[in-house]
Amino acid sequence: MVAITKNAGAFIPTARPRTTIALMDMPRQWVKRYDLRQKLASMDTRMLRDIGWSVFDARREAAKPFWKA
């Protein structure tokens, strides 16, 4: 089970250089973001409140494309 919080690593842009390793890691980050955003989109108000998100913030985050941090 993945803990979803506003500080989840998938939503925080990383400032590391674009090396070969970073480029290889990018698809993994995209999948992680996509998965977390799908889970956010499926949560009801009570669940969102439990994890510290407002409905507005969750819907806005869920609407972002997977490549945007």
Protein backbone atom coordinates (compact mmCIF):
# COMPACT_ATOMS: atom_id res chain seq x y z
CA MET A 1 0.00 0.00 0.00
CA VAL A 2 1.24 3.45 -0.87
CA ALA A 3 0.76 6.35 1.51
CA ILE A 4 -0.58 9.34 -0.36
CA THR A 5 0.31 12.69 1.12
CA LYS A 6 0.96 16.11 -0.31
CA ASN A 7 4.65 15.41 0.23
CA ALA A 8 4.65 12.19 -1.80
CA GLY A 9 7.79 12.04 -3.90
CA ALA A 10 5.83 11.73 -7.13
CA PHE A 11 4.48 15.24 -6.80
CA ILE A 12 7.73 16.99 -5.89
CA PRO A 13 9.90 18.03 -8.84
CA THR A 14 13.44 16.79 -8.53
CA ALA A 15 16.38 19.10 -9.22
CA ARG A 16 18.91 16.45 -10.16
CA PRO A 17 20.85 16.70 -13.43
CA ARG A 18 19.59 14.96 -16.56
CA THR A 19 22.07 12.13 -16.65
CA THR A 20 21.53 8.74 -18.23
CA ILE A 21 20.36 7.35 -14.90
CA ALA A 22 17.91 10.21 -14.44
CA LEU A 23 16.53 9.67 -17.95
CA MET A 24 16.13 5.97 -17.29
CA ASP A 25 14.31 6.75 -14.04
CA MET A 26 11.85 9.12 -15.72
CA PRO A 27 9.36 6.47 -16.96
CA ARG A 28 9.25 5.02 -13.45
CA GLN A 29 8.36 8.45 -12.04
CA TRP A 30 5.67 8.88 -14.69
CA VAL A 31 4.06 5.56 -13.78
CA LYS A 32 4.20 6.45 -10.09
CA ARG A 33 2.59 9.86 -10.72
CA TYR A 34 -0.11 8.35 -12.93
CA ASP A 35 -0.94 5.70 -10.35
CA LEU A 36 -1.08 8.15 -7.43
CA ARG A 37 -3.22 10.60 -9.41
CA GLN A 38 -5.66 7.85 -10.35
CA LYS A 39 -5.95 6.89 -6.69
CA LEU A 40 -6.52 10.52 -5.70
CA ALA A 41 -9.25 10.84 -8.32
CA SER A 42 -11.08 7.81 -6.93
CA MET A 43 -11.07 8.94 -3.28
CA ASP A 44 -14.13 10.41 -1.63
CA THR A 45 -14.19 13.53 0.56
CA ARG A 46 -13.72 11.62 3.81
CA MET A 47 -10.69 9.74 2.53
CA LEU A 48 -9.13 12.93 1.18
CA ARG A 49 -9.69 14.71 4.48
CA ASP A 50 -8.01 11.78 6.30
CA ILE A 51 -4.83 12.25 4.27
CA GLY A 52 -4.86 16.05 4.49
CA TRP A 53 -6.07 16.92 0.99
CA SER A 54 -8.98 19.11 0.01
CA VAL A 55 -11.28 17.97 -2.77
CA PHE A 56 -10.18 20.94 -4.88
CA ASP A 57 -6.46 20.17 -4.45
CA ALA A 58 -6.97 16.47 -5.17
CA ARG A 59 -9.00 17.11 -8.33
CA ARG A 60 -6.46 19.67 -9.55
CA GLU A 61 -3.58 17.23 -8.95
CA ALA A 62 -5.47 14.33 -10.55
CA ALA A 63 -6.13 16.41 -13.68
CA LYS A 64 -2.42 17.00 -14.35
CA PRO A 65 -0.73 14.95 -17.08
CA PHE A 66 1.66 12.28 -15.81
CA TRP A 67 4.76 14.10 -17.07
CA LYS A 68 4.14 17.22 -14.95
CA ALA A 69 5.40 17.22 -11.38
